[in-house]
C-alpha atoms as a PDB file:
ATOM      1  CA  MET A   1       5.546 -17.471   6.763  1.00  0.00           C
ATOM      2  CA  LEU A   2       4.284 -16.434  10.218  1.00  0.00           C
ATOM      3  CA  SER A   3       3.760 -12.850   9.052  1.00  0.00           C
ATOM      4  CA  CYS A   4       1.480 -13.909   6.177  1.00  0.00           C
ATOM      5  CA  PRO A   5      -2.190 -12.924   6.697  1.00  0.00           C
ATOM      6  CA  VAL A   6      -3.313 -15.778   4.440  1.00  0.00           C
ATOM      7  CA  TRP A   7      -1.542 -18.246   6.737  1.00  0.00           C
ATOM      8  CA  HIS A   8      -3.026 -16.505   9.775  1.00  0.00           C
ATOM      9  CA  ASN A   9      -6.544 -16.892   8.348  1.00  0.00           C
ATOM     10  CA  THR A  10      -6.233 -20.407   6.934  1.00  0.00           C
ATOM     11  CA  GLY A  11      -3.397 -22.178   8.755  1.00  0.00           C
ATOM     12  CA  ASP A  12      -2.341 -23.597   5.372  1.00  0.00           C
ATOM     13  CA  PRO A  13       1.439 -23.214   4.866  1.00  0.00           C
ATOM     14  CA  PHE A  14       1.157 -24.019   1.154  1.00  0.00           C
ATOM     15  CA  LEU A  15      -0.732 -20.763   0.582  1.00  0.00           C
ATOM     16  CA  THR A  16       2.321 -18.721   1.636  1.00  0.00           C
ATOM     17  CA  PHE A  17       5.332 -17.650  -0.430  1.00  0.00           C
ATOM     18  CA  CYS A  18       7.414 -20.218   1.469  1.00  0.00           C
ATOM     19  CA  GLY A  19       4.877 -22.891   0.599  1.00  0.00           C
ATOM     20  CA  ARG A  20       4.982 -22.003  -3.089  1.00  0.00           C
ATOM     21  CA  ALA A  21       8.778 -22.204  -3.082  1.00  0.00           C
ATOM     22  CA  ARG A  22       8.631 -25.662  -1.488  1.00  0.00           C
ATOM     23  CA  ILE A  23       6.071 -26.926  -4.002  1.00  0.00           C
ATOM     24  CA  LEU A  24       8.186 -25.730  -6.936  1.00  0.00           C
ATOM     25  CA  GLN A  25      11.124 -27.822  -5.730  1.00  0.00           C
ATOM     26  CA  SER A  26       9.293 -30.933  -6.873  1.00  0.00           C
ATOM     27  CA  SER A  27       6.369 -29.783  -9.009  1.00  0.00           C
ATOM     28  CA  THR A  28       5.264 -27.324 -11.708  1.00  0.00           C
ATOM     29  CA  GLU A  29       4.043 -23.749 -11.506  1.00  0.00           C
ATOM     30  CA  GLU A  30       0.511 -24.859 -12.376  1.00  0.00           C
ATOM     31  CA  ASN A  31       0.310 -26.573  -8.970  1.00  0.00           C
ATOM     32  CA  ILE A  32       0.807 -23.268  -7.139  1.00  0.00           C
ATOM     33  CA  ARG A  33      -2.005 -21.444  -8.952  1.00  0.00           C
ATOM     34  CA  ASP A  34      -4.368 -21.514  -5.945  1.00  0.00           C
ATOM     35  CA  SER A  35      -1.579 -20.288  -3.702  1.00  0.00           C
ATOM     36  CA  LEU A  36      -0.722 -17.436  -6.074  1.00  0.00           C
ATOM     37  CA  ASN A  37      -4.356 -16.356  -6.255  1.00  0.00           C
ATOM     38  CA  ALA A  38      -4.679 -16.407  -2.459  1.00  0.00           C
ATOM     39  CA  CYS A  39      -1.938 -13.803  -1.959  1.00  0.00           C
ATOM     40  CA  ILE A  40      -3.192 -10.273  -1.144  1.00  0.00           C
ATOM     41  CA  LEU A  41       0.145  -8.666  -2.148  1.00  0.00           C
ATOM     42  CA  CYS A  42       0.570  -6.980   1.232  1.00  0.00           C
ATOM     43  CA  GLY A  43       4.328  -7.572   1.234  1.00  0.00           C
ATOM     44  CA  SER A  44       4.460  -8.706   4.882  1.00  0.00           C
ATOM     45  CA  CYS A  45       6.794 -11.578   4.019  1.00  0.00           C
ATOM     46  CA  GLU A  46       9.244  -9.440   2.050  1.00  0.00           C
ATOM     47  CA  PRO A  47      11.171  -7.698   4.875  1.00  0.00           C
ATOM     48  CA  LEU A  48      11.578 -11.020   6.700  1.00  0.00           C
ATOM     49  CA  CYS A  49      12.896 -13.069   3.769  1.00  0.00           C
ATOM     50  CA  SER A  50      16.379 -14.283   4.716  1.00  0.00           C
ATOM     51  CA  TYR A  51      17.288 -14.498   1.002  1.00  0.00           C
ATOM     52  CA  ASP A  52      16.217 -10.878   0.313  1.00  0.00           C
ATOM     53  CA  ILE A  53      13.735 -12.021  -2.357  1.00  0.00           C
ATOM     54  CA  ASN A  54      11.353  -9.444  -3.795  1.00  0.00           C
ATOM     55  CA  THR A  55       8.387 -11.645  -2.943  1.00  0.00           C
ATOM     56  CA  VAL A  56       5.587  -9.375  -4.180  1.00  0.00           C
ATOM     57  CA  ASP A  57       7.084  -8.767  -7.628  1.00  0.00           C
ATOM     58  CA  ARG A  58       7.794 -12.500  -7.920  1.00  0.00           C
ATOM     59  CA  THR A  59       4.194 -13.288  -7.028  1.00  0.00           C
ATOM     60  CA  ILE A  60       2.768 -10.701  -9.447  1.00  0.00           C
ATOM     61  CA  ASP A  61       4.922 -11.998 -12.296  1.00  0.00           C
ATOM     62  CA  ALA A  62       4.033 -15.626 -11.595  1.00  0.00           C
ATOM     63  CA  ARG A  63       0.333 -14.838 -11.181  1.00  0.00           C
ATOM     64  CA  SER A  64       0.119 -13.139 -14.554  1.00  0.00           C
ATOM     65  CA  GLY A  65       2.499 -15.581 -16.222  1.00  0.00           C
ATOM     66  CA  SER A  66       4.469 -12.639 -17.548  1.00  0.00           C
ATOM     67  CA  GLY A  67       7.945 -13.277 -16.198  1.00  0.00           C
ATOM     68  CA  GLU A  68       9.916 -10.096 -15.631  1.00  0.00           C
ATOM     69  CA  ARG A  69       7.745  -7.180 -16.726  1.00  0.00           C
ATOM     70  CA  THR A  70      10.480  -5.128 -18.361  1.00  0.00           C
ATOM     71  CA  GLY A  71       9.758  -5.407 -22.091  1.00  0.00           C
ATOM     72  CA  GLY A  72       8.035  -3.067 -24.477  1.00  0.00           C
ATOM     73  CA  THR A  73       9.058   0.121 -26.190  1.00  0.00           C
ATOM     74  CA  PRO A  74       9.107   3.480 -24.372  1.00  0.00           C
ATOM     75  CA  VAL A  75       6.230   5.655 -25.471  1.00  0.00           C
ATOM     76  CA  THR A  76       6.202   9.413 -25.936  1.00  0.00           C
ATOM     77  CA  VAL A  77       2.784  10.404 -24.694  1.00  0.00           C
ATOM     78  CA  PRO A  78       0.892  13.213 -26.406  1.00  0.00           C
ATOM     79  CA  GLY A  79      -0.794  15.738 -24.181  1.00  0.00           C
ATOM     80  CA  ALA A  80      -0.387  16.213 -20.456  1.00  0.00           C
ATOM     81  CA  ARG A  81       2.740  15.065 -18.671  1.00  0.00           C
ATOM     82  CA  ALA A  82       3.498  15.281 -14.985  1.00  0.00           C
ATOM     83  CA  ASN A  83       5.262  18.457 -13.943  1.00  0.00           C
ATOM     84  CA  GLY A  84       6.431  19.594 -10.536  1.00  0.00           C
ATOM     85  CA  LYS A  85       4.906  17.898  -7.495  1.00  0.00           C
ATOM     86  CA  VAL A  86       1.991  15.619  -8.301  1.00  0.00           C
ATOM     87  CA  LEU A  87      -0.505  13.537  -6.355  1.00  0.00           C
ATOM     88  CA  LEU A  88      -1.751  10.215  -7.738  1.00  0.00           C
ATOM     89  CA  ALA A  89      -4.999   9.862  -5.780  1.00  0.00           C
ATOM     90  CA  ASN A  90      -7.139   6.746  -6.039  1.00  0.00           C
ATOM     91  CA  SER A  91     -10.780   6.948  -7.078  1.00  0.00           C
ATOM     92  CA  LEU A  92     -12.152   6.966  -3.519  1.00  0.00           C
ATOM     93  CA  ILE A  93     -10.264  10.186  -2.846  1.00  0.00           C
ATOM     94  CA  LEU A  94     -10.906  11.715  -6.269  1.00  0.00           C
ATOM     95  CA  ASN A  95     -14.649  11.211  -5.848  1.00  0.00           C
ATOM     96  CA  ASP A  96     -14.732  13.019  -2.500  1.00  0.00           C
ATOM     97  CA  ASP A  97     -14.040  16.731  -2.993  1.00  0.00           C
ATOM     98  CA  THR A  98     -13.626  17.382   0.731  1.00  0.00           C
ATOM     99  CA  ILE A  99     -11.088  14.598   1.242  1.00  0.00           C
ATOM    100  CA  LEU A 100      -9.223  15.598  -1.909  1.00  0.00           C
ATOM    101  CA  LYS A 101      -8.984  19.205  -0.727  1.00  0.00           C
ATOM    102  CA  ARG A 102      -7.673  18.137   2.671  1.00  0.00           C
ATOM    103  CA  THR A 103      -5.173  15.804   1.079  1.00  0.00           C
ATOM    104  CA  LEU A 104      -3.713  18.520  -1.140  1.00  0.00           C
ATOM    105  CA  GLU A 105      -3.497  20.852   1.836  1.00  0.00           C
ATOM    106  CA  ALA A 106      -1.697  18.187   3.855  1.00  0.00           C
ATOM    107  CA  LEU A 107       0.891  17.793   1.100  1.00  0.00           C
ATOM    108  CA  GLY A 108       1.758  21.477   1.095  1.00  0.00           C
ATOM    109  CA  GLU A 109       1.977  24.209  -1.496  1.00  0.00           C
ATOM    110  CA  GLU A 110       2.659  23.611  -5.183  1.00  0.00           C
ATOM    111  CA  TRP A 111       1.093  20.148  -5.280  1.00  0.00           C
ATOM    112  CA  SER A 112      -1.489  19.232  -7.926  1.00  0.00           C
ATOM    113  CA  VAL A 113      -3.531  16.182  -8.883  1.00  0.00           C
ATOM    114  CA  PHE A 114      -2.278  14.268 -11.920  1.00  0.00           C
ATOM    115  CA  GLU A 115      -5.114  12.954 -14.080  1.00  0.00           C
ATOM    116  CA  ASP A 116      -3.658   9.476 -14.697  1.00  0.00           C
ATOM    117  CA  ASN A 117      -3.434   7.686 -11.339  1.00  0.00           C
ATOM    118  CA  GLY A 118      -2.552   4.278 -12.842  1.00  0.00           C
ATOM    119  CA  GLU A 119      -5.496   2.608 -11.131  1.00  0.00           C
ATOM    120  CA  ASP A 120      -6.153   0.368 -14.146  1.00  0.00           C
ATOM    121  CA  ILE A 121      -2.603  -0.977 -13.822  1.00  0.00           C
ATOM    122  CA  SER A 122      -3.074  -1.593 -10.122  1.00  0.00           C
ATOM    123  CA  ALA A 123      -6.390  -3.384 -10.700  1.00  0.00           C
ATOM    124  CA  SER A 124      -4.830  -5.631 -13.355  1.00  0.00           C
ATOM    125  CA  LEU A 125      -1.898  -6.524 -11.112  1.00  0.00           C
ATOM    126  CA  GLU A 126      -4.212  -7.422  -8.279  1.00  0.00           C
ATOM    127  CA  ALA A 127      -6.499  -9.479 -10.495  1.00  0.00           C
ATOM    128  CA  GLY A 128      -3.573 -11.413 -11.957  1.00  0.00           C
ATOM    129  CA  ASN A 129      -4.256 -10.175 -15.480  1.00  0.00           C
ATOM    130  CA  GLN A 130      -1.536  -9.549 -18.026  1.00  0.00           C
ATOM    131  CA  VAL A 131      -0.573  -5.863 -17.916  1.00  0.00           C
ATOM    132  CA  ASP A 132       0.193  -4.362 -21.298  1.00  0.00           C
ATOM    133  CA  ASN A 133       3.861  -3.311 -21.336  1.00  0.00           C
ATOM    134  CA  TYR A 134       2.998  -0.362 -23.555  1.00  0.00           C
ATOM    135  CA  ARG A 135       0.473   0.877 -20.992  1.00  0.00           C
ATOM    136  CA  VAL A 136       3.030   0.603 -18.188  1.00  0.00           C
ATOM    137  CA  ASN A 137       5.680   2.372 -20.279  1.00  0.00           C
ATOM    138  CA  GLU A 138       3.184   5.088 -21.193  1.00  0.00           C
ATOM    139  CA  PHE A 139       2.359   5.617 -17.521  1.00  0.00           C
ATOM    140  CA  ILE A 140       6.015   5.692 -16.476  1.00  0.00           C
ATOM    141  CA  ASP A 141       6.926   8.032 -19.314  1.00  0.00           C
ATOM    142  CA  MET A 142       4.227  10.517 -18.287  1.00  0.00           C
ATOM    143  CA  LEU A 143       5.557  10.536 -14.723  1.00  0.00           C
ATOM    144  CA  SER A 144       9.240  10.760 -15.664  1.00  0.00           C
ATOM    145  CA  THR A 145       9.062  14.568 -15.880  1.00  0.00           C
ATOM    146  CA  ALA A 146       7.710  15.004 -12.343  1.00  0.00           C
ATOM    147  CA  ASP A 147       9.866  16.381  -9.542  1.00  0.00           C
ATOM    148  CA  GLU A 148       8.075  14.520  -6.742  1.00  0.00           C
ATOM    149  CA  ILE A 149       5.189  12.056  -6.630  1.00  0.00           C
ATOM    150  CA  VAL A 150       2.858  11.016  -3.821  1.00  0.00           C
ATOM    151  CA  THR A 151       0.637   8.019  -4.465  1.00  0.00           C
ATOM    152  CA  THR A 152      -2.172   6.583  -2.349  1.00  0.00           C
ATOM    153  CA  ASP A 153      -1.921   3.140  -3.999  1.00  0.00           C
ATOM    154  CA  GLY A 154       0.719   0.746  -2.671  1.00  0.00           C
ATOM    155  CA  LEU A 155       0.905  -1.273  -5.884  1.00  0.00           C
ATOM    156  CA  ILE A 156       1.447   1.850  -7.989  1.00  0.00           C
ATOM    157  CA  PHE A 157       4.129   2.913  -5.506  1.00  0.00           C
ATOM    158  CA  ARG A 158       5.843  -0.413  -6.189  1.00  0.00           C
ATOM    159  CA  VAL A 159       5.541  -0.035  -9.979  1.00  0.00           C
ATOM    160  CA  ILE A 160       7.132   3.416  -9.920  1.00  0.00           C
ATOM    161  CA  LYS A 161       9.932   2.279  -7.599  1.00  0.00           C
ATOM    162  CA  ARG A 162      10.583  -0.710  -9.839  1.00  0.00           C
ATOM    163  CA  PHE A 163      10.852   1.204 -13.095  1.00  0.00           C
ATOM    164  CA  MET A 164      12.162   4.553 -11.864  1.00  0.00           C
ATOM    165  CA  PRO A 165      14.108   3.918  -8.631  1.00  0.00           C
ATOM    166  CA  GLU A 166      15.761   7.323  -8.893  1.00  0.00           C
ATOM    167  CA  LEU A 167      12.446   9.240  -8.885  1.00  0.00           C
ATOM    168  CA  ASN A 168      11.325  10.771  -5.593  1.00  0.00           C
ATOM    169  CA  VAL A 169       8.092   8.876  -4.910  1.00  0.00           C
ATOM    170  CA  MET A 170       6.393   8.675  -1.520  1.00  0.00           C
ATOM    171  CA  GLY A 171       3.297   7.320   0.070  1.00  0.00           C
ATOM    172  CA  LEU A 172       0.932   9.815   1.677  1.00  0.00           C
ATOM    173  CA  GLY A 173       2.012   8.823   5.177  1.00  0.00           C
ATOM    174  CA  GLU A 174       5.707   9.348   4.479  1.00  0.00           C
ATOM    175  CA  ARG A 175       5.017  12.791   3.059  1.00  0.00           C
ATOM    176  CA  MET A 176       3.035  13.869   6.113  1.00  0.00           C
ATOM    177  CA  ILE A 177       5.602  12.425   8.524  1.00  0.00           C
ATOM    178  CA  THR A 178       8.566  14.089   6.833  1.00  0.00           C
ATOM    179  CA  ARG A 179       6.657  17.398   6.840  1.00  0.00           C
ATOM    180  CA  SER A 180       6.099  16.917  10.605  1.00  0.00           C
ATOM    181  CA  VAL A 181       2.370  17.415   9.994  1.00  0.00           C
ATOM    182  CA  LEU A 182       1.413  14.517  12.273  1.00  0.00           C
ATOM    183  CA  GLU A 183       3.633  15.143  15.276  1.00  0.00           C
ATOM    184  CA  GLU A 184       1.311  17.623  17.001  1.00  0.00           C
ATOM    185  CA  MET A 185      -1.896  15.879  15.928  1.00  0.00           C
ATOM    186  CA  ILE A 186      -1.589  12.324  17.252  1.00  0.00           C
ATOM    187  CA  GLY A 187      -0.712  10.876  20.630  1.00  0.00           C
ATOM    188  CA  PRO A 188      -0.607   7.760  22.856  1.00  0.00           C
ATOM    189  CA  GLU A 189      -4.347   7.092  22.595  1.00  0.00           C
ATOM    190  CA  ASP A 190      -4.235   6.959  18.794  1.00  0.00           C
ATOM    191  CA  LEU A 191      -3.774   3.796  16.740  1.00  0.00           C
ATOM    192  CA  TYR A 192      -2.036   4.621  13.472  1.00  0.00           C
ATOM    193  CA  ILE A 193      -2.733   2.074  10.687  1.00  0.00           C
ATOM    194  CA  ILE A 194       0.119   1.960   8.181  1.00  0.00           C
ATOM    195  CA  ASP A 195      -0.591   1.110   4.533  1.00  0.00           C
ATOM    196  CA  SER A 196       1.244  -2.222   4.455  1.00  0.00           C
ATOM    197  CA  ARG A 197       1.749  -2.338   0.673  1.00  0.00           C
ATOM    198  CA  THR A 198       3.591   0.974   0.501  1.00  0.00           C
ATOM    199  CA  TYR A 199       5.462   0.426   3.769  1.00  0.00           C
ATOM    200  CA  HIS A 200       6.842  -2.980   2.829  1.00  0.00           C
ATOM    201  CA  SER A 201       7.771  -1.778  -0.676  1.00  0.00           C
ATOM    202  CA  ASP A 202      10.437   0.479   0.861  1.00  0.00           C
ATOM    203  CA  PHE A 203      10.823  -1.147   4.267  1.00  0.00           C
ATOM    204  CA  LYS A 204      14.504  -0.421   4.916  1.00  0.00           C
ATOM    205  CA  LYS A 205      13.883   3.304   4.540  1.00  0.00           C
ATOM    206  CA  LEU A 206      10.394   3.598   5.987  1.00  0.00           C
ATOM    207  CA  ALA A 207      10.842   1.485   9.130  1.00  0.00           C
ATOM    208  CA  SER A 208      13.115   4.112  10.687  1.00  0.00           C
ATOM    209  CA  ILE A 209      10.802   6.964   9.613  1.00  0.00           C
ATOM    210  CA  TYR A 210       7.792   5.345  11.276  1.00  0.00           C
ATOM    211  CA  ASP A 211       9.852   4.428  14.338  1.00  0.00           C
ATOM    212  CA  GLY A 212      10.651   8.119  14.657  1.00  0.00           C
ATOM    213  CA  LEU A 213       6.959   9.055  14.522  1.00  0.00           C
ATOM    214  CA  ARG A 214       6.096   6.453  17.147  1.00  0.00           C
ATOM    215  CA  GLN A 215       8.836   7.665  19.497  1.00  0.00           C
ATOM    216  CA  LYS A 216       7.866  11.330  19.131  1.00  0.00           C
ATOM    217  CA  THR A 217       4.120  10.853  19.554  1.00  0.00           C
ATOM    218  CA  GLY A 218       3.766   7.663  21.615  1.00  0.00           C
ATOM    219  CA  CYS A 219       1.058   6.440  19.229  1.00  0.00           C
ATOM    220  CA  MET A 220       0.250   2.776  18.695  1.00  0.00           C
ATOM    221  CA  MET A 221       0.816   1.210  15.265  1.00  0.00           C
ATOM    222  CA  ASN A 222      -0.174  -1.972  13.438  1.00  0.00           C
ATOM    223  CA  LEU A 223       3.386  -3.299  13.735  1.00  0.00           C
ATOM    224  CA  ASP A 224       4.655  -6.589  15.131  1.00  0.00           C
ATOM    225  CA  LEU A 225       7.991  -7.166  16.882  1.00  0.00           C
ATOM    226  CA  ASN A 226       9.750  -7.344  13.512  1.00  0.00           C
ATOM    227  CA  ARG A 227       8.285  -3.929  12.570  1.00  0.00           C
ATOM    228  CA  VAL A 228       6.164  -5.621   9.894  1.00  0.00           C
ATOM    229  CA  ALA A 229       2.798  -3.897   9.302  1.00  0.00           C
ATOM    230  CA  THR A 230      -0.228  -6.171   9.711  1.00  0.00           C
ATOM    231  CA  PRO A 231      -2.698  -5.487   6.843  1.00  0.00           C
ATOM    232  CA  SER A 232      -6.470  -5.250   7.190  1.00  0.00           C
ATOM    233  CA  GLY A 233      -6.919  -7.321   4.033  1.00  0.00           C
ATOM    234  CA  VAL A 234      -9.164  -4.707   2.386  1.00  0.00           C
ATOM    235  CA  THR A 235      -8.289  -3.441  -1.097  1.00  0.00           C
ATOM    236  CA  ILE A 236      -9.889  -0.852  -3.331  1.00  0.00           C
ATOM    237  CA  HIS A 237     -10.371  -3.368  -6.162  1.00  0.00           C
ATOM    238  CA  ASN A 238     -11.801  -6.167  -3.977  1.00  0.00           C
ATOM    239  CA  ARG A 239     -10.313  -8.916  -6.134  1.00  0.00           C
ATOM    240  CA  ASN A 240     -12.213 -12.207  -6.116  1.00  0.00           C
ATOM    241  CA  GLU A 241     -14.235 -11.360  -3.003  1.00  0.00           C
ATOM    242  CA  ASP A 242     -16.052 -14.694  -3.209  1.00  0.00           C
ATOM    243  CA  LYS A 243     -12.744 -16.573  -3.092  1.00  0.00           C
ATOM    244  CA  LYS A 244     -10.794 -14.258  -0.810  1.00  0.00           C
ATOM    245  CA  LEU A 245      -9.265 -16.117   2.110  1.00  0.00           C
ATOM    246  CA  VAL A 246      -8.329 -13.157   4.300  1.00  0.00           C
ATOM    247  CA  ASP A 247     -11.188 -11.970   6.503  1.00  0.00           C
ATOM    248  CA  PRO A 248     -10.842  -8.216   7.263  1.00  0.00           C
ATOM    249  CA  ALA A 249     -12.891  -8.582  10.462  1.00  0.00           C
ATOM    250  CA  ARG A 250     -10.440 -11.158  11.770  1.00  0.00           C
ATOM    251  CA  GLN A 251      -7.446  -9.076  10.703  1.00  0.00           C
ATOM    252  CA  VAL A 252      -8.824  -5.973  12.402  1.00  0.00           C
ATOM    253  CA  ALA A 253      -9.546  -7.892  15.617  1.00  0.00           C
ATOM    254  CA  TRP A 254      -5.955  -9.162  15.518  1.00  0.00           C
ATOM    255  CA  ILE A 255      -4.591  -5.635  15.051  1.00  0.00           C
ATOM    256  CA  LEU A 256      -6.740  -4.160  17.844  1.00  0.00           C
ATOM    257  CA  GLU A 257      -5.878  -6.845  20.392  1.00  0.00           C
ATOM    258  CA  GLY A 258      -4.032  -5.169  23.249  1.00  0.00           C
ATOM    259  CA  ARG A 259      -4.335  -1.724  21.630  1.00  0.00           C
ATOM    260  CA  PRO A 260      -7.132   0.209  23.408  1.00  0.00           C
ATOM    261  CA  ALA A 261      -7.303   3.136  21.009  1.00  0.00           C
ATOM    262  CA  LYS A 262      -9.742   6.017  21.338  1.00  0.00           C
ATOM    263  CA  ARG A 263      -9.032   7.125  17.768  1.00  0.00           C
ATOM    264  CA  ILE A 264      -7.908   5.142  14.723  1.00  0.00           C
ATOM    265  CA  ILE A 265      -6.073   6.916  11.909  1.00  0.00           C
ATOM    266  CA  VAL A 266      -5.701   5.059   8.609  1.00  0.00           C
ATOM    267  CA  GLU A 267      -3.234   5.831   5.825  1.00  0.00           C
ATOM    268  CA  LYS A 268      -5.272   3.892   3.283  1.00  0.00           C
ATOM    269  CA  ILE A 269      -8.770   5.281   2.806  1.00  0.00           C
ATOM    270  CA  GLU A 270     -10.178   1.785   2.158  1.00  0.00           C
ATOM    271  CA  ASP A 271      -9.282   0.878   5.762  1.00  0.00           C
ATOM    272  CA  ARG A 272     -11.912   3.201   7.245  1.00  0.00           C
ATOM    273  CA  GLU A 273     -14.662   0.624   6.657  1.00  0.00           C
ATOM    274  CA  PRO A 274     -13.244  -2.479   8.431  1.00  0.00           C
ATOM    275  CA  PHE A 275     -12.313  -0.451  11.528  1.00  0.00           C
ATOM    276  CA  SER A 276     -15.638   1.416  11.697  1.00  0.00           C
ATOM    277  CA  GLY A 277     -17.401  -1.286  13.722  1.00  0.00           C
ATOM    278  CA  TYR A 278     -15.303  -0.588  16.827  1.00  0.00           C
ATOM    279  CA  PRO A 279     -15.917   2.027  19.560  1.00  0.00           C
ATOM    280  CA  ALA A 280     -13.328   4.486  18.305  1.00  0.00           C
ATOM    281  CA  ASP A 281     -13.338   7.402  15.885  1.00  0.00           C
ATOM    282  CA  VAL A 282     -11.902   6.289  12.543  1.00  0.00           C
ATOM    283  CA  LEU A 283     -10.263   8.946  10.388  1.00  0.00           C
ATOM    284  CA  PHE A 284      -8.439   8.942   7.087  1.00  0.00           C
ATOM    285  CA  ILE A 285      -4.996  10.433   7.624  1.00  0.00           C
ATOM    286  CA  THR A 286      -5.833  13.826   6.113  1.00  0.00           C
ATOM    287  CA  GLU A 287      -9.126  14.074   8.028  1.00  0.00           C
ATOM    288  CA  ILE A 288      -7.164  14.687  11.231  1.00  0.00           C
ATOM    289  CA  LEU A 289      -6.462  18.193   9.908  1.00  0.00           C
ATOM    290  CA  GLU A 290     -10.121  19.070  10.466  1.00  0.00           C
ATOM    291  CA  ASP A 291     -10.370  16.921  13.594  1.00  0.00           C
ATOM    292  CA  ASN A 292      -7.610  19.025  15.162  1.00  0.00           C
ATOM    293  CA  GLY A 293      -9.091  22.318  13.969  1.00  0.00           C
ATOM    294  CA  ASN A 294      -6.586  22.982  11.189  1.00  0.00           C
ATOM    295  CA  LEU A 295      -9.228  23.397   8.499  1.00  0.00           C
ATOM    296  CA  GLY A 296     -12.286  25.558   8.480  1.00  0.00           C
END
């Protein structure tokens, strides 16, 4: 519960996953609707759950009233299918030619952009809408022929891991770390902001990878003592902004406390905005290529 950003912003224990579980011991699911809608699906509670519950998937399923999202009939999709190494870039990256170019260069040779990034699925999951099983199966089927996938959307990362656990899917940060791209480009005066959704979706694997980066570079990270990544609270879809209980300004102030960074590097491009009000250069992870003189 203590890792939950909703609890940190509201002080209301009933708006946490623990609170929902307690309510359901003596009440109905309808009475946890406000709590379900308050969740920002950051996954911070998941690594700390002593019962090893997949808290984000449970919350998504309860929010949409869908139960386990495993039904539907596999679809053979006409037209383009993913082949080789593909990038699923969100719309903020796709709409910026410079950032997209840098991102592909950071991934390495033989990577290409796949036209279906699944952003409609991600938006529906975040909004609590019912996701059409046929659409999910279509998306998964198109990706099933890929060799490797990098996604910049933590919810899509979770969907792929859930339906195709054997497929080699990574977040952008993991790809750049395992390629050793970052080791010579960041140092002790940098604050590295991990994409909490992707990180917590594969915590047991990724915690050691990010620990390695921190030890090699000396950089600061948005991690607590449990190695849980504190989220900014900003999302690309901005679900229910008028009702959102997590204040990004408060989250960012919490993250920056005791971390006097001269440069802030964000894995999630949406995080550039909430950190931009502080006296530090804020760069999307692939922008450091130019910042360090690696791109003309």
